Amino acid sequence: MFREPFPIDYWFDATSLSSTLATTFKTLALNCKPVAEANVLVLLPPVMPGMPQDPEGVTTQFYRFSTHAP
């Protein structure tokens, strides 16, 4: 049984490679429907060479993980 994965406002890519980020973007575009809004948190800067461009409506943000984070 397929379950619609939305609405999910934040996605977290713990690997943060170009291939995993591309997979996240493909997941966000299920059924070829545009995503209204989504935030993808990554552990590596999204401006690294080879990283895919954010699709329309998607924001990729660098998340500096720390055990001291609130």
N, C-alpha and C. Protein backbone atom coordinates (compact mmCIF):
# COMPACT_ATOMS: atom_id res chain seq x y z
N MET A 1 0.84 -1.18 0.00
CA MET A 1 0.00 0.00 0.00
C MET A 1 0.89 1.24 0.00
N PHE A 2 0.61 2.17 -0.89
CA PHE A 2 1.36 3.42 -0.97
C PHE A 2 0.74 4.44 -0.04
N ARG A 3 1.61 5.08 0.74
CA ARG A 3 1.14 6.17 1.61
C ARG A 3 1.77 7.47 1.14
N GLU A 4 0.97 8.47 0.96
CA GLU A 4 1.45 9.78 0.53
C GLU A 4 2.37 10.36 1.61
N PRO A 5 3.60 10.78 1.25
CA PRO A 5 4.55 11.25 2.27
C PRO A 5 4.38 12.70 2.68
N PHE A 6 3.30 13.34 2.28
CA PHE A 6 3.14 14.75 2.59
C PHE A 6 1.93 14.97 3.47
N PRO A 7 1.81 15.96 4.26
CA PRO A 7 2.76 17.08 4.33
C PRO A 7 3.90 16.79 5.32
N ILE A 8 5.10 16.91 4.85
CA ILE A 8 6.30 16.89 5.67
C ILE A 8 7.06 18.15 5.31
N ASP A 9 7.26 19.04 6.26
CA ASP A 9 7.90 20.32 5.98
C ASP A 9 9.42 20.22 5.94
N TYR A 10 10.00 19.34 6.77
CA TYR A 10 11.45 19.24 6.86
C TYR A 10 11.90 17.81 6.55
N TRP A 11 12.94 17.71 5.73
CA TRP A 11 13.56 16.44 5.39
C TRP A 11 15.01 16.53 5.85
N PHE A 12 15.58 15.44 6.32
CA PHE A 12 16.96 15.44 6.81
C PHE A 12 17.76 14.40 6.05
N ASP A 13 18.79 14.85 5.35
CA ASP A 13 19.66 13.96 4.59
C ASP A 13 20.94 13.78 5.40
N ALA A 14 21.04 12.68 6.13
CA ALA A 14 22.18 12.44 7.02
C ALA A 14 23.45 12.09 6.27
N THR A 15 23.34 11.65 5.02
CA THR A 15 24.52 11.32 4.23
C THR A 15 25.02 12.56 3.48
N SER A 16 24.11 13.29 2.90
CA SER A 16 24.38 14.59 2.27
C SER A 16 25.36 14.53 1.10
N LEU A 17 25.27 13.51 0.29
CA LEU A 17 26.05 13.43 -0.94
C LEU A 17 25.15 13.85 -2.10
N SER A 18 25.74 14.12 -3.25
CA SER A 18 24.92 14.55 -4.38
C SER A 18 23.90 13.48 -4.75
N SER A 19 24.26 12.20 -4.65
CA SER A 19 23.33 11.12 -5.00
C SER A 19 22.18 11.02 -4.01
N THR A 20 22.43 11.21 -2.73
CA THR A 20 21.35 11.10 -1.74
C THR A 20 20.44 12.32 -1.80
N LEU A 21 21.03 13.48 -2.09
CA LEU A 21 20.21 14.69 -2.21
C LEU A 21 19.33 14.58 -3.46
N ALA A 22 19.87 14.04 -4.55
CA ALA A 22 19.08 13.84 -5.76
C ALA A 22 17.92 12.88 -5.49
N THR A 23 18.17 11.83 -4.71
CA THR A 23 17.11 10.89 -4.35
C THR A 23 16.03 11.58 -3.52
N THR A 24 16.44 12.43 -2.60
CA THR A 24 15.47 13.19 -1.80
C THR A 24 14.60 14.06 -2.71
N PHE A 25 15.24 14.73 -3.68
CA PHE A 25 14.47 15.57 -4.61
C PHE A 25 13.50 14.74 -5.43
N LYS A 26 13.90 13.54 -5.84
CA LYS A 26 13.00 12.65 -6.59
C LYS A 26 11.82 12.24 -5.72
N THR A 27 12.08 11.96 -4.45
CA THR A 27 11.01 11.59 -3.52
C THR A 27 10.02 12.73 -3.36
N LEU A 28 10.54 13.95 -3.31
CA LEU A 28 9.67 15.12 -3.16
C LEU A 28 8.80 15.36 -4.38
N ALA A 29 9.18 14.81 -5.52
CA ALA A 29 8.42 15.01 -6.76
C ALA A 29 7.67 13.74 -7.15
N LEU A 30 7.18 12.97 -6.18
CA LEU A 30 6.41 11.76 -6.47
C LEU A 30 5.23 12.07 -7.36
N ASN A 31 4.96 11.18 -8.26
CA ASN A 31 3.83 11.33 -9.19
C ASN A 31 3.96 12.56 -10.08
N CYS A 32 5.18 13.07 -10.22
CA CYS A 32 5.45 14.23 -11.08
C CYS A 32 4.66 15.47 -10.66
N LYS A 33 4.26 15.52 -9.41
CA LYS A 33 3.56 16.71 -8.90
C LYS A 33 4.59 17.65 -8.30
N PRO A 34 4.46 18.95 -8.56
CA PRO A 34 5.40 19.88 -7.95
C PRO A 34 5.20 19.94 -6.44
N VAL A 35 6.27 20.19 -5.74
CA VAL A 35 6.22 20.31 -4.28
C VAL A 35 5.88 21.74 -3.93
N ALA A 36 4.91 21.92 -3.05
CA ALA A 36 4.52 23.27 -2.66
C ALA A 36 5.67 23.94 -1.91
N GLU A 37 6.16 23.31 -0.86
CA GLU A 37 7.28 23.81 -0.09
C GLU A 37 7.90 22.67 0.68
N ALA A 38 9.21 22.64 0.75
CA ALA A 38 9.91 21.65 1.55
C ALA A 38 11.28 22.20 1.90
N ASN A 39 11.75 21.88 3.08
CA ASN A 39 13.08 22.25 3.53
C ASN A 39 13.88 20.98 3.72
N VAL A 40 15.07 20.92 3.11
CA VAL A 40 15.94 19.76 3.23
C VAL A 40 17.17 20.19 4.01
N LEU A 41 17.38 19.55 5.15
CA LEU A 41 18.56 19.84 5.96
C LEU A 41 19.65 18.85 5.61
N VAL A 42 20.87 19.34 5.36
CA VAL A 42 22.00 18.50 4.98
C VAL A 42 23.17 18.77 5.92
N LEU A 43 24.06 17.78 6.05
CA LEU A 43 25.21 17.90 6.94
C LEU A 43 26.45 18.45 6.24
N LEU A 44 26.43 18.50 4.91
CA LEU A 44 27.52 19.09 4.14
C LEU A 44 26.97 20.31 3.42
N PRO A 45 27.79 21.33 3.18
CA PRO A 45 27.28 22.52 2.50
C PRO A 45 26.68 22.18 1.13
N PRO A 46 25.48 22.64 0.86
CA PRO A 46 24.83 22.31 -0.41
C PRO A 46 25.46 23.01 -1.61
N VAL A 47 26.44 23.87 -1.40
CA VAL A 47 27.11 24.56 -2.51
C VAL A 47 28.35 23.80 -2.97
N MET A 48 28.58 22.61 -2.44
CA MET A 48 29.73 21.82 -2.85
C MET A 48 29.59 21.45 -4.33
N PRO A 49 30.71 21.34 -5.05
CA PRO A 49 30.64 20.96 -6.46
C PRO A 49 29.91 19.63 -6.67
N GLY A 50 29.06 19.59 -7.69
CA GLY A 50 28.34 18.37 -8.03
C GLY A 50 27.00 18.19 -7.34
N MET A 51 26.66 19.09 -6.42
CA MET A 51 25.37 18.98 -5.73
C MET A 51 24.26 19.43 -6.68
N PRO A 52 23.13 18.74 -6.69
CA PRO A 52 22.03 19.12 -7.60
C PRO A 52 21.39 20.44 -7.17
N GLN A 53 20.80 21.12 -8.15
CA GLN A 53 20.09 22.36 -7.89
C GLN A 53 18.77 22.06 -7.17
N ASP A 54 18.39 22.95 -6.27
CA ASP A 54 17.11 22.81 -5.59
C ASP A 54 15.98 22.95 -6.60
N PRO A 55 15.01 22.03 -6.59
CA PRO A 55 13.82 22.21 -7.42
C PRO A 55 13.01 23.41 -6.91
N GLU A 56 12.13 23.90 -7.73
CA GLU A 56 11.27 25.00 -7.32
C GLU A 56 10.46 24.59 -6.08
N GLY A 57 10.43 25.45 -5.08
CA GLY A 57 9.70 25.17 -3.85
C GLY A 57 10.50 24.45 -2.79
N VAL A 58 11.73 24.07 -3.10
CA VAL A 58 12.56 23.34 -2.15
C VAL A 58 13.74 24.21 -1.73
N THR A 59 14.00 24.26 -0.44
CA THR A 59 15.14 24.98 0.10
C THR A 59 16.06 23.99 0.78
N THR A 60 17.33 24.01 0.41
CA THR A 60 18.32 23.14 1.04
C THR A 60 19.15 23.99 1.99
N GLN A 61 19.27 23.53 3.22
CA GLN A 61 19.99 24.30 4.24
C GLN A 61 21.05 23.43 4.89
N PHE A 62 22.22 24.00 5.08
CA PHE A 62 23.30 23.34 5.79
C PHE A 62 22.95 23.33 7.28
N TYR A 63 23.00 22.15 7.88
CA TYR A 63 22.66 22.00 9.29
C TYR A 63 23.90 21.51 10.01
N ARG A 64 24.44 22.34 10.86
CA ARG A 64 25.62 21.97 11.61
C ARG A 64 25.17 21.23 12.87
N PHE A 65 25.29 19.91 12.81
CA PHE A 65 24.85 19.08 13.93
C PHE A 65 25.81 19.23 15.09
N SER A 66 25.28 19.34 16.26
CA SER A 66 26.09 19.44 17.47
C SER A 66 25.34 18.81 18.61
N THR A 67 26.07 18.18 19.48
CA THR A 67 25.43 17.61 20.68
C THR A 67 25.00 18.70 21.63
N HIS A 68 25.45 19.92 21.36
CA HIS A 68 25.08 21.06 22.21
C HIS A 68 23.93 21.87 21.64
N ALA A 69 23.37 21.39 20.52
CA ALA A 69 22.25 22.12 19.91
C ALA A 69 21.01 22.00 20.79
N PRO A 70 20.21 23.06 20.81
CA PRO A 70 18.97 23.00 21.64
C PRO A 70 17.99 21.98 21.12
